[in-house]
Amino acid sequence: QPPIPFSKVKNSSDLDKHPAGYSDPKPKGQTNRLREAIKQIPFLQDEQSKPLDFWQIWQESIPDDVESFRVSVTLDLNQVSWRCIGSQNKLIQKMVDFFWNVGAPETEIDRLNDVGTLINPLVIGSWIDMSSKGGMDGGWYFPCEAPGIPWKLALEASDPCDTIKKVNHWASSHSFETVYTVGRDMGAAPPRQTHFEFLLSGDFETKLQVALSAYEEFEIPPPPAEALNIIRTNPSHTLKLSVTVSSEGFVKLGIITPRPVAASLSQLCILSRTGNLELIDKFQKSLGVDGVESVEYKYLTKGFGYGVYKEGFDIVFHYAIEKP
């Protein structure tokens, strides 16, 4: 069955918001694992927590048969990201309903439809971010396997600005023709952020140098030497660069590497300064996964933490929860 065209998505702004602490009477499979994970996150233990309420509204927007989830945490569990992935025809309408329900601007829902019509991905997803300081953000993304999303189409997700021109110049100078993820936040107030992930090619050191060239060109501090040493001790065929931009500048830059060796986990906790390996281990077990899927060494630019997200260098663990 072909995907439902984005142009046929309906807007529905009259959904009821459930009060904080509301619980789906029949949580299933993957959702149960997410609920168990929430029990390990200190700032989500208050039933009146606004981030918890936000998570509940998001969870209710997800069909039972969604393909998979991604959960990402900083190593002190003070910031968490939740992502769902599903086929376009199953997920798009409920995804748009969710954005309406949380007050996303109509212009941004229109942009989602326009970019979706242009790219027409088979698989789409929604995401929410939250923090212990009350940060709450959400948006959409199109994850894609080979052959990727044409870069010239992915560019349409971003606002025209000098920042995206710099990214385009860097991408062109390294002959990138595709990205493997494109996404955007649906916040009520600008500047809105657009996210891209580039899959780097060449031998391992070449990939790393191309990634580091972006830090230099975008004038963002690279990962510290200790982080680069850990990256080099886990050489991999897969290395990605994550780039998040807005009309007001570069928001975030990160290097994403696959699962590290076990010995590196304690090093990463030490490097993050606030990491707690015991908390991470409990969280990981609650998800029912056998390890970290990937590690992101990110830098959040000063001014883009808005007082609720940690600025500067940090480390994020990404986990995958697949459909049984």
C-alpha atoms as a PDB file:
ATOM      1  CA  GLN A   1       0.000   0.000   0.000  1.00  0.00           C
ATOM      2  CA  PRO A   2       1.548   3.332  -1.000  1.00  0.00           C
ATOM      3  CA  PRO A   3       1.980   5.997   1.691  1.00  0.00           C
ATOM      4  CA  ILE A   4      -0.853   8.474   2.172  1.00  0.00           C
ATOM      5  CA  PRO A   5       0.260  11.703   0.477  1.00  0.00           C
ATOM      6  CA  PHE A   6       1.153  14.444   2.934  1.00  0.00           C
ATOM      7  CA  SER A   7      -1.248  16.729   1.089  1.00  0.00           C
ATOM      8  CA  LYS A   8      -4.167  14.643   2.395  1.00  0.00           C
ATOM      9  CA  VAL A   9      -3.307  15.185   6.056  1.00  0.00           C
ATOM     10  CA  LYS A  10      -6.056  16.934   7.978  1.00  0.00           C
ATOM     11  CA  ASN A  11      -5.603  19.523  10.709  1.00  0.00           C
ATOM     12  CA  SER A  12      -7.390  18.782  13.957  1.00  0.00           C
ATOM     13  CA  SER A  13      -7.011  21.359  16.694  1.00  0.00           C
ATOM     14  CA  ASP A  14      -9.876  20.279  18.933  1.00  0.00           C
ATOM     15  CA  LEU A  15      -8.282  17.340  20.755  1.00  0.00           C
ATOM     16  CA  ASP A  16      -8.675  17.064  24.515  1.00  0.00           C
ATOM     17  CA  LYS A  17      -5.563  17.256  26.625  1.00  0.00           C
ATOM     18  CA  HIS A  18      -5.392  14.668  29.399  1.00  0.00           C
ATOM     19  CA  PRO A  19      -4.444  15.941  32.851  1.00  0.00           C
ATOM     20  CA  ALA A  20      -1.044  15.241  34.384  1.00  0.00           C
ATOM     21  CA  GLY A  21      -0.675  11.713  35.667  1.00  0.00           C
ATOM     22  CA  TYR A  22      -3.193  10.265  33.191  1.00  0.00           C
ATOM     23  CA  SER A  23      -2.350   6.670  32.328  1.00  0.00           C
ATOM     24  CA  ASP A  24      -3.310   4.717  29.237  1.00  0.00           C
ATOM     25  CA  PRO A  25      -5.428   1.816  30.586  1.00  0.00           C
ATOM     26  CA  LYS A  26      -3.810  -0.647  28.181  1.00  0.00           C
ATOM     27  CA  PRO A  27      -0.124   0.176  27.688  1.00  0.00           C
ATOM     28  CA  LYS A  28       1.530  -2.407  25.449  1.00  0.00           C
ATOM     29  CA  GLY A  29       4.945  -3.812  24.567  1.00  0.00           C
ATOM     30  CA  GLN A  30       7.344  -1.018  23.749  1.00  0.00           C
ATOM     31  CA  THR A  31       5.272   1.551  25.634  1.00  0.00           C
ATOM     32  CA  ASN A  32       5.557  -0.535  28.793  1.00  0.00           C
ATOM     33  CA  ARG A  33       9.334  -0.434  28.450  1.00  0.00           C
ATOM     34  CA  LEU A  34       9.257   3.331  28.083  1.00  0.00           C
ATOM     35  CA  ARG A  35       7.143   3.609  31.224  1.00  0.00           C
ATOM     36  CA  GLU A  36       9.639   1.474  33.122  1.00  0.00           C
ATOM     37  CA  ALA A  37      12.421   3.753  31.905  1.00  0.00           C
ATOM     38  CA  ILE A  38      10.580   6.812  33.185  1.00  0.00           C
ATOM     39  CA  LYS A  39      10.763   5.335  36.700  1.00  0.00           C
ATOM     40  CA  GLN A  40      14.550   5.646  36.505  1.00  0.00           C
ATOM     41  CA  ILE A  41      14.547   9.348  35.596  1.00  0.00           C
ATOM     42  CA  PRO A  42      14.568  11.425  38.800  1.00  0.00           C
ATOM     43  CA  PHE A  43      12.917  14.560  37.410  1.00  0.00           C
ATOM     44  CA  LEU A  44       9.943  12.572  36.066  1.00  0.00           C
ATOM     45  CA  GLN A  45       8.891  11.095  39.408  1.00  0.00           C
ATOM     46  CA  ASP A  46       6.461  13.896  40.285  1.00  0.00           C
ATOM     47  CA  GLU A  47       3.028  13.010  38.861  1.00  0.00           C
ATOM     48  CA  GLN A  48       2.335  16.729  38.415  1.00  0.00           C
ATOM     49  CA  SER A  49       5.489  17.168  36.344  1.00  0.00           C
ATOM     50  CA  LYS A  50       4.842  19.145  33.169  1.00  0.00           C
ATOM     51  CA  PRO A  51       7.459  17.149  31.210  1.00  0.00           C
ATOM     52  CA  LEU A  52       5.690  13.946  32.301  1.00  0.00           C
ATOM     53  CA  ASP A  53       2.368  15.363  31.141  1.00  0.00           C
ATOM     54  CA  PHE A  54       4.010  16.309  27.840  1.00  0.00           C
ATOM     55  CA  TRP A  55       5.357  12.759  27.457  1.00  0.00           C
ATOM     56  CA  GLN A  56       1.891  11.329  28.090  1.00  0.00           C
ATOM     57  CA  ILE A  57       0.298  13.491  25.389  1.00  0.00           C
ATOM     58  CA  TRP A  58       3.032  12.452  22.946  1.00  0.00           C
ATOM     59  CA  GLN A  59       2.699   8.767  23.814  1.00  0.00           C
ATOM     60  CA  GLU A  60      -1.045   8.865  23.175  1.00  0.00           C
ATOM     61  CA  SER A  61      -0.369  10.120  19.646  1.00  0.00           C
ATOM     62  CA  ILE A  62       1.545   6.970  18.713  1.00  0.00           C
ATOM     63  CA  PRO A  63      -0.190   3.966  17.072  1.00  0.00           C
ATOM     64  CA  ASP A  64       0.129   0.602  18.828  1.00  0.00           C
ATOM     65  CA  ASP A  65       1.988  -0.911  15.883  1.00  0.00           C
ATOM     66  CA  VAL A  66       4.698   1.756  15.543  1.00  0.00           C
ATOM     67  CA  GLU A  67       7.923   0.159  14.274  1.00  0.00           C
ATOM     68  CA  SER A  68      10.421   1.339  16.893  1.00  0.00           C
ATOM     69  CA  PHE A  69      11.448   3.924  19.461  1.00  0.00           C
ATOM     70  CA  ARG A  70      14.688   5.744  20.166  1.00  0.00           C
ATOM     71  CA  VAL A  71      15.529   7.090  23.606  1.00  0.00           C
ATOM     72  CA  SER A  72      18.499   9.360  24.278  1.00  0.00           C
ATOM     73  CA  VAL A  73      19.886  10.526  27.614  1.00  0.00           C
ATOM     74  CA  THR A  74      22.717  12.621  28.936  1.00  0.00           C
ATOM     75  CA  LEU A  75      24.823  10.641  31.369  1.00  0.00           C
ATOM     76  CA  ASP A  76      23.365  12.393  34.418  1.00  0.00           C
ATOM     77  CA  LEU A  77      19.787  11.648  33.206  1.00  0.00           C
ATOM     78  CA  ASN A  78      18.939  15.357  33.379  1.00  0.00           C
ATOM     79  CA  GLN A  79      18.020  15.503  29.693  1.00  0.00           C
ATOM     80  CA  VAL A  80      15.993  12.906  27.808  1.00  0.00           C
ATOM     81  CA  SER A  81      14.805  12.656  24.203  1.00  0.00           C
ATOM     82  CA  TRP A  82      12.075  10.294  23.014  1.00  0.00           C
ATOM     83  CA  ARG A  83      11.525   9.387  19.369  1.00  0.00           C
ATOM     84  CA  CYS A  84       9.108   7.093  17.578  1.00  0.00           C
ATOM     85  CA  ILE A  85       9.505   5.728  14.062  1.00  0.00           C
ATOM     86  CA  GLY A  86       6.744   4.343  11.880  1.00  0.00           C
ATOM     87  CA  SER A  87       5.458   4.052   8.348  1.00  0.00           C
ATOM     88  CA  GLN A  88       4.167   7.299   6.910  1.00  0.00           C
ATOM     89  CA  ASN A  89       0.658   6.037   6.241  1.00  0.00           C
ATOM     90  CA  LYS A  90       0.212   4.818   9.836  1.00  0.00           C
ATOM     91  CA  LEU A  91       1.816   7.704  11.684  1.00  0.00           C
ATOM     92  CA  ILE A  92       1.347  10.987   9.833  1.00  0.00           C
ATOM     93  CA  GLN A  93      -2.221  11.873  10.829  1.00  0.00           C
ATOM     94  CA  LYS A  94      -1.712  11.171  14.528  1.00  0.00           C
ATOM     95  CA  MET A  95       1.578  13.023  14.401  1.00  0.00           C
ATOM     96  CA  VAL A  96      -0.110  16.137  13.017  1.00  0.00           C
ATOM     97  CA  ASP A  97      -2.885  15.797  15.614  1.00  0.00           C
ATOM     98  CA  PHE A  98      -0.222  15.800  18.330  1.00  0.00           C
ATOM     99  CA  PHE A  99       1.365  18.978  17.008  1.00  0.00           C
ATOM    100  CA  TRP A 100      -2.015  20.707  16.930  1.00  0.00           C
ATOM    101  CA  ASN A 101      -2.732  19.511  20.442  1.00  0.00           C
ATOM    102  CA  VAL A 102       0.433  21.061  21.886  1.00  0.00           C
ATOM    103  CA  GLY A 103       0.017  24.366  20.055  1.00  0.00           C
ATOM    104  CA  ALA A 104       2.367  24.095  17.079  1.00  0.00           C
ATOM    105  CA  PRO A 105       1.899  26.962  14.603  1.00  0.00           C
ATOM    106  CA  GLU A 106      -0.133  26.190  11.496  1.00  0.00           C
ATOM    107  CA  THR A 107       2.712  27.509   9.343  1.00  0.00           C
ATOM    108  CA  GLU A 108       5.003  24.815  10.734  1.00  0.00           C
ATOM    109  CA  ILE A 109       2.443  22.073  10.146  1.00  0.00           C
ATOM    110  CA  ASP A 110       2.186  23.357   6.582  1.00  0.00           C
ATOM    111  CA  ARG A 111       5.965  23.155   6.268  1.00  0.00           C
ATOM    112  CA  LEU A 112       5.903  19.541   7.489  1.00  0.00           C
ATOM    113  CA  ASN A 113       3.329  18.756   4.812  1.00  0.00           C
ATOM    114  CA  ASP A 114       5.280  20.610   2.122  1.00  0.00           C
ATOM    115  CA  VAL A 115       8.619  18.968   2.926  1.00  0.00           C
ATOM    116  CA  GLY A 116       6.923  15.593   3.337  1.00  0.00           C
ATOM    117  CA  THR A 117       5.280  15.922  -0.059  1.00  0.00           C
ATOM    118  CA  LEU A 118       8.634  16.842  -1.577  1.00  0.00           C
ATOM    119  CA  ILE A 119      10.608  13.974  -0.021  1.00  0.00           C
ATOM    120  CA  ASN A 120       7.709  11.512   0.400  1.00  0.00           C
ATOM    121  CA  PRO A 121       9.521   9.293   2.936  1.00  0.00           C
ATOM    122  CA  LEU A 122       8.283   5.790   3.633  1.00  0.00           C
ATOM    123  CA  VAL A 123       9.264   6.144   7.288  1.00  0.00           C
ATOM    124  CA  ILE A 124       8.706   9.180   9.519  1.00  0.00           C
ATOM    125  CA  GLY A 125       8.909  10.005  13.205  1.00  0.00           C
ATOM    126  CA  SER A 126       8.098  12.471  15.942  1.00  0.00           C
ATOM    127  CA  TRP A 127      10.303  13.463  18.856  1.00  0.00           C
ATOM    128  CA  ILE A 128      10.158  15.262  22.170  1.00  0.00           C
ATOM    129  CA  ASP A 129      12.996  16.575  24.346  1.00  0.00           C
ATOM    130  CA  MET A 130      12.807  17.396  28.048  1.00  0.00           C
ATOM    131  CA  SER A 131      15.077  18.360  30.898  1.00  0.00           C
ATOM    132  CA  SER A 132      15.169  18.524  34.686  1.00  0.00           C
ATOM    133  CA  LYS A 133      14.998  22.321  34.429  1.00  0.00           C
ATOM    134  CA  GLY A 134      11.629  22.212  32.666  1.00  0.00           C
ATOM    135  CA  GLY A 135      12.764  22.128  29.048  1.00  0.00           C
ATOM    136  CA  MET A 136      10.125  20.740  26.671  1.00  0.00           C
ATOM    137  CA  ASP A 137      10.418  20.682  22.891  1.00  0.00           C
ATOM    138  CA  GLY A 138       8.995  18.559  20.096  1.00  0.00           C
ATOM    139  CA  GLY A 139       9.100  18.111  16.375  1.00  0.00           C
ATOM    140  CA  TRP A 140       9.258  15.757  13.417  1.00  0.00           C
ATOM    141  CA  TYR A 141      11.995  13.923  11.567  1.00  0.00           C
ATOM    142  CA  PHE A 142      12.522  11.656   8.583  1.00  0.00           C
ATOM    143  CA  PRO A 143      15.097   8.928   9.310  1.00  0.00           C
ATOM    144  CA  CYS A 144      16.312   7.222   6.170  1.00  0.00           C
ATOM    145  CA  GLU A 145      18.500   4.282   5.221  1.00  0.00           C
ATOM    146  CA  ALA A 146      20.486   4.069   1.988  1.00  0.00           C
ATOM    147  CA  PRO A 147      20.399   5.757  -0.453  1.00  0.00           C
ATOM    148  CA  GLY A 148      19.423   8.621   1.871  1.00  0.00           C
ATOM    149  CA  ILE A 149      17.521  11.853   1.278  1.00  0.00           C
ATOM    150  CA  PRO A 150      18.787  14.141  -1.484  1.00  0.00           C
ATOM    151  CA  TRP A 151      20.522  17.078   0.186  1.00  0.00           C
ATOM    152  CA  LYS A 152      18.880  19.610  -2.122  1.00  0.00           C
ATOM    153  CA  LEU A 153      15.456  18.389  -0.925  1.00  0.00           C
ATOM    154  CA  ALA A 154      16.440  18.218   2.755  1.00  0.00           C
ATOM    155  CA  LEU A 155      17.504  21.864   2.534  1.00  0.00           C
ATOM    156  CA  GLU A 156      13.863  22.829   2.052  1.00  0.00           C
ATOM    157  CA  ALA A 157      13.186  21.990   5.714  1.00  0.00           C
ATOM    158  CA  SER A 158      15.383  24.863   6.864  1.00  0.00           C
ATOM    159  CA  ASP A 159      14.726  28.595   6.975  1.00  0.00           C
ATOM    160  CA  PRO A 160      16.773  30.487   4.355  1.00  0.00           C
ATOM    161  CA  CYS A 161      19.644  32.063   6.296  1.00  0.00           C
ATOM    162  CA  ASP A 162      23.414  32.531   6.393  1.00  0.00           C
ATOM    163  CA  THR A 163      23.778  29.528   8.690  1.00  0.00           C
ATOM    164  CA  ILE A 164      22.290  27.058   6.234  1.00  0.00           C
ATOM    165  CA  LYS A 165      24.392  28.636   3.469  1.00  0.00           C
ATOM    166  CA  LYS A 166      27.500  27.761   5.496  1.00  0.00           C
ATOM    167  CA  VAL A 167      26.299  24.173   5.934  1.00  0.00           C
ATOM    168  CA  ASN A 168      25.590  23.945   2.215  1.00  0.00           C
ATOM    169  CA  HIS A 169      29.075  25.257   1.420  1.00  0.00           C
ATOM    170  CA  TRP A 170      30.682  22.679   3.726  1.00  0.00           C
ATOM    171  CA  ALA A 171      28.498  19.856   2.334  1.00  0.00           C
ATOM    172  CA  SER A 172      29.302  20.837  -1.250  1.00  0.00           C
ATOM    173  CA  SER A 173      33.036  21.087  -0.557  1.00  0.00           C
ATOM    174  CA  HIS A 174      32.966  17.486   0.703  1.00  0.00           C
ATOM    175  CA  SER A 175      30.699  16.251  -2.088  1.00  0.00           C
ATOM    176  CA  PHE A 176      27.723  15.323   0.099  1.00  0.00           C
ATOM    177  CA  GLU A 177      24.661  14.641  -2.010  1.00  0.00           C
ATOM    178  CA  THR A 178      22.461  13.028   0.650  1.00  0.00           C
ATOM    179  CA  VAL A 179      21.622  13.131   4.348  1.00  0.00           C
ATOM    180  CA  TYR A 180      20.280  10.277   6.426  1.00  0.00           C
ATOM    181  CA  THR A 181      18.062  12.306   8.734  1.00  0.00           C
ATOM    182  CA  VAL A 182      16.248  15.605   8.410  1.00  0.00           C
ATOM    183  CA  GLY A 183      13.975  17.058  11.065  1.00  0.00           C
ATOM    184  CA  ARG A 184      12.615  20.248  12.554  1.00  0.00           C
ATOM    185  CA  ASP A 185      11.227  21.507  15.832  1.00  0.00           C
ATOM    186  CA  MET A 186       7.620  22.676  16.051  1.00  0.00           C
ATOM    187  CA  GLY A 187       8.011  25.267  18.779  1.00  0.00           C
ATOM    188  CA  ALA A 188       5.463  28.041  19.089  1.00  0.00           C
ATOM    189  CA  ALA A 189       8.100  30.770  18.887  1.00  0.00           C
ATOM    190  CA  PRO A 190      11.015  31.261  16.487  1.00  0.00           C
ATOM    191  CA  PRO A 191      13.849  30.763  15.879  1.00  0.00           C
ATOM    192  CA  ARG A 192      13.007  27.198  14.933  1.00  0.00           C
ATOM    193  CA  GLN A 193      15.682  24.592  14.550  1.00  0.00           C
ATOM    194  CA  THR A 194      16.369  22.223  11.668  1.00  0.00           C
ATOM    195  CA  HIS A 195      18.413  19.065  12.130  1.00  0.00           C
ATOM    196  CA  PHE A 196      20.473  17.044   9.641  1.00  0.00           C
ATOM    197  CA  GLU A 197      22.633  13.939   9.938  1.00  0.00           C
ATOM    198  CA  PHE A 198      25.386  13.264   7.417  1.00  0.00           C
ATOM    199  CA  LEU A 199      26.858   9.782   6.950  1.00  0.00           C
ATOM    200  CA  LEU A 200      30.607  10.226   6.513  1.00  0.00           C
ATOM    201  CA  SER A 201      32.575   8.172   3.992  1.00  0.00           C
ATOM    202  CA  GLY A 202      36.175   7.061   3.520  1.00  0.00           C
ATOM    203  CA  ASP A 203      38.489   5.292   5.965  1.00  0.00           C
ATOM    204  CA  PHE A 204      37.977   5.968   9.656  1.00  0.00           C
ATOM    205  CA  GLU A 205      40.523   8.774  10.053  1.00  0.00           C
ATOM    206  CA  THR A 206      39.260  10.474   6.880  1.00  0.00           C
ATOM    207  CA  LYS A 207      35.707  10.406   8.235  1.00  0.00           C
ATOM    208  CA  LEU A 208      36.844  11.902  11.521  1.00  0.00           C
ATOM    209  CA  GLN A 209      38.800  14.662   9.815  1.00  0.00           C
ATOM    210  CA  VAL A 210      35.815  15.577   7.636  1.00  0.00           C
ATOM    211  CA  ALA A 211      33.698  15.807  10.785  1.00  0.00           C
ATOM    212  CA  LEU A 212      36.293  17.978  12.518  1.00  0.00           C
ATOM    213  CA  SER A 213      36.474  20.234   9.465  1.00  0.00           C
ATOM    214  CA  ALA A 214      32.837  21.166  10.133  1.00  0.00           C
ATOM    215  CA  TYR A 215      33.721  22.339  13.646  1.00  0.00           C
ATOM    216  CA  GLU A 216      36.453  24.539  12.209  1.00  0.00           C
ATOM    217  CA  GLU A 217      34.329  25.927   9.374  1.00  0.00           C
ATOM    218  CA  PHE A 218      31.330  26.577  11.621  1.00  0.00           C
ATOM    219  CA  GLU A 219      33.562  28.021  14.392  1.00  0.00           C
ATOM    220  CA  ILE A 220      32.346  25.582  17.040  1.00  0.00           C
ATOM    221  CA  PRO A 221      34.739  24.093  19.626  1.00  0.00           C
ATOM    222  CA  PRO A 222      35.571  20.470  18.728  1.00  0.00           C
ATOM    223  CA  PRO A 223      35.221  17.587  21.193  1.00  0.00           C
ATOM    224  CA  PRO A 224      37.994  17.588  23.825  1.00  0.00           C
ATOM    225  CA  ALA A 225      41.100  15.508  23.224  1.00  0.00           C
ATOM    226  CA  GLU A 226      39.903  12.852  25.702  1.00  0.00           C
ATOM    227  CA  ALA A 227      36.719  12.378  23.661  1.00  0.00           C
ATOM    228  CA  LEU A 228      38.647  12.096  20.398  1.00  0.00           C
ATOM    229  CA  ASN A 229      40.908   9.491  22.011  1.00  0.00           C
ATOM    230  CA  ILE A 230      37.856   7.417  22.982  1.00  0.00           C
ATOM    231  CA  ILE A 231      36.436   7.790  19.460  1.00  0.00           C
ATOM    232  CA  ARG A 232      39.728   6.605  17.992  1.00  0.00           C
ATOM    233  CA  THR A 233      39.871   3.579  20.301  1.00  0.00           C
ATOM    234  CA  ASN A 234      36.517   2.473  18.871  1.00  0.00           C
ATOM    235  CA  PRO A 235      37.160   2.821  15.117  1.00  0.00           C
ATOM    236  CA  SER A 236      34.059   1.975  13.134  1.00  0.00           C
ATOM    237  CA  HIS A 237      32.756   1.729   9.617  1.00  0.00           C
ATOM    238  CA  THR A 238      29.966   4.125  10.577  1.00  0.00           C
ATOM    239  CA  LEU A 239      30.483   7.719  11.637  1.00  0.00           C
ATOM    240  CA  LYS A 240      27.860  10.472  11.420  1.00  0.00           C
ATOM    241  CA  LEU A 241      27.849  14.221  11.855  1.00  0.00           C
ATOM    242  CA  SER A 242      24.738  15.789  13.349  1.00  0.00           C
ATOM    243  CA  VAL A 243      24.115  19.450  12.536  1.00  0.00           C
ATOM    244  CA  THR A 244      21.342  21.590  14.025  1.00  0.00           C
ATOM    245  CA  VAL A 245      20.824  25.116  12.736  1.00  0.00           C
ATOM    246  CA  SER A 246      18.498  28.070  13.133  1.00  0.00           C
ATOM    247  CA  SER A 247      18.135  31.456  11.495  1.00  0.00           C
ATOM    248  CA  GLU A 248      20.079  32.893  14.448  1.00  0.00           C
ATOM    249  CA  GLY A 249      23.105  30.631  14.118  1.00  0.00           C
ATOM    250  CA  PHE A 250      24.448  27.150  14.707  1.00  0.00           C
ATOM    251  CA  VAL A 251      22.587  25.406  17.513  1.00  0.00           C
ATOM    252  CA  LYS A 252      24.381  22.092  17.913  1.00  0.00           C
ATOM    253  CA  LEU A 253      27.093  20.016  16.302  1.00  0.00           C
ATOM    254  CA  GLY A 254      27.826  16.406  17.179  1.00  0.00           C
ATOM    255  CA  ILE A 255      29.797  13.344  16.150  1.00  0.00           C
ATOM    256  CA  ILE A 256      27.829  10.093  16.412  1.00  0.00           C
ATOM    257  CA  THR A 257      29.691   6.801  16.793  1.00  0.00           C
ATOM    258  CA  PRO A 258      28.334   3.247  17.134  1.00  0.00           C
ATOM    259  CA  ARG A 259      28.216   1.271  20.371  1.00  0.00           C
ATOM    260  CA  PRO A 260      31.437   1.697  22.360  1.00  0.00           C
ATOM    261  CA  VAL A 261      33.341  -1.130  24.010  1.00  0.00           C
ATOM    262  CA  ALA A 262      32.297  -1.721  27.617  1.00  0.00           C
ATOM    263  CA  ALA A 263      35.571  -0.329  28.963  1.00  0.00           C
ATOM    264  CA  SER A 264      34.779   3.046  27.429  1.00  0.00           C
ATOM    265  CA  LEU A 265      31.484   3.514  29.315  1.00  0.00           C
ATOM    266  CA  SER A 266      33.136   4.454  32.605  1.00  0.00           C
ATOM    267  CA  GLN A 267      35.552   6.733  30.738  1.00  0.00           C
ATOM    268  CA  LEU A 268      32.618   8.493  29.118  1.00  0.00           C
ATOM    269  CA  CYS A 269      30.920   9.007  32.482  1.00  0.00           C
ATOM    270  CA  ILE A 270      34.099  10.560  33.855  1.00  0.00           C
ATOM    271  CA  LEU A 271      34.516  12.706  30.745  1.00  0.00           C
ATOM    272  CA  SER A 272      30.956  14.031  31.023  1.00  0.00           C
ATOM    273  CA  ARG A 273      31.840  15.198  34.578  1.00  0.00           C
ATOM    274  CA  THR A 274      28.315  14.532  35.867  1.00  0.00           C
ATOM    275  CA  GLY A 275      27.794  11.015  34.506  1.00  0.00           C
ATOM    276  CA  ASN A 276      26.582   8.240  36.795  1.00  0.00           C
ATOM    277  CA  LEU A 277      27.278   4.738  35.476  1.00  0.00           C
ATOM    278  CA  GLU A 278      25.031   3.103  38.089  1.00  0.00           C
ATOM    279  CA  LEU A 279      22.036   5.244  37.076  1.00  0.00           C
ATOM    280  CA  ILE A 280      22.765   4.633  33.403  1.00  0.00           C
ATOM    281  CA  ASP A 281      22.924   0.867  33.981  1.00  0.00           C
ATOM    282  CA  LYS A 282      19.526   0.864  35.748  1.00  0.00           C
ATOM    283  CA  PHE A 283      18.024   2.998  33.008  1.00  0.00           C
ATOM    284  CA  GLN A 284      19.393   0.730  30.298  1.00  0.00           C
ATOM    285  CA  LYS A 285      18.029  -2.387  31.988  1.00  0.00           C
ATOM    286  CA  SER A 286      14.609  -0.764  32.357  1.00  0.00           C
ATOM    287  CA  LEU A 287      14.517  -0.288  28.585  1.00  0.00           C
ATOM    288  CA  GLY A 288      15.180  -3.989  28.087  1.00  0.00           C
ATOM    289  CA  VAL A 289      18.088  -3.383  25.704  1.00  0.00           C
ATOM    290  CA  ASP A 290      21.498  -5.012  25.738  1.00  0.00           C
ATOM    291  CA  GLY A 291      23.528  -1.877  25.343  1.00  0.00           C
ATOM    292  CA  VAL A 292      23.996   1.579  23.914  1.00  0.00           C
ATOM    293  CA  GLU A 293      23.197   1.813  20.195  1.00  0.00           C
ATOM    294  CA  SER A 294      25.369   4.874  19.612  1.00  0.00           C
ATOM    295  CA  VAL A 295      27.148   7.709  21.402  1.00  0.00           C
ATOM    296  CA  GLU A 296      26.940  11.367  20.450  1.00  0.00           C
ATOM    297  CA  TYR A 297      29.660  13.839  21.382  1.00  0.00           C
ATOM    298  CA  LYS A 298      27.780  17.099  21.062  1.00  0.00           C
ATOM    299  CA  TYR A 299      28.327  20.795  21.560  1.00  0.00           C
ATOM    300  CA  LEU A 300      25.321  23.034  22.268  1.00  0.00           C
ATOM    301  CA  THR A 301      26.131  26.609  21.345  1.00  0.00           C
ATOM    302  CA  LYS A 302      25.961  29.308  24.009  1.00  0.00           C
ATOM    303  CA  GLY A 303      22.553  30.959  24.112  1.00  0.00           C
ATOM    304  CA  PHE A 304      20.666  27.969  22.699  1.00  0.00           C
ATOM    305  CA  GLY A 305      20.185  26.192  26.017  1.00  0.00           C
ATOM    306  CA  TYR A 306      17.637  28.857  27.025  1.00  0.00           C
ATOM    307  CA  GLY A 307      18.372  28.186  30.676  1.00  0.00           C
ATOM    308  CA  VAL A 308      16.917  24.658  30.548  1.00  0.00           C
ATOM    309  CA  TYR A 309      19.467  22.659  28.516  1.00  0.00           C
ATOM    310  CA  LYS A 310      23.179  22.302  29.247  1.00  0.00           C
ATOM    311  CA  GLU A 311      25.327  24.391  26.918  1.00  0.00           C
ATOM    312  CA  GLY A 312      28.811  23.463  25.746  1.00  0.00           C
ATOM    313  CA  PHE A 313      30.205  19.949  25.409  1.00  0.00           C
ATOM    314  CA  ASP A 314      28.220  16.921  26.568  1.00  0.00           C
ATOM    315  CA  ILE A 315      27.786  13.224  25.841  1.00  0.00           C
ATOM    316  CA  VAL A 316      24.535  11.495  24.898  1.00  0.00           C
ATOM    317  CA  PHE A 317      23.735   7.774  24.846  1.00  0.00           C
ATOM    318  CA  HIS A 318      21.222   6.675  22.194  1.00  0.00           C
ATOM    319  CA  TYR A 319      19.136   3.514  22.650  1.00  0.00           C
ATOM    320  CA  ALA A 320      16.962   1.621  20.166  1.00  0.00           C
ATOM    321  CA  ILE A 321      13.769  -0.207  21.150  1.00  0.00           C
ATOM    322  CA  GLU A 322      12.633  -2.334  18.245  1.00  0.00           C
ATOM    323  CA  LYS A 323       9.227  -3.879  17.716  1.00  0.00           C
ATOM    324  CA  PRO A 324       9.192  -7.463  19.058  1.00  0.00           C
END
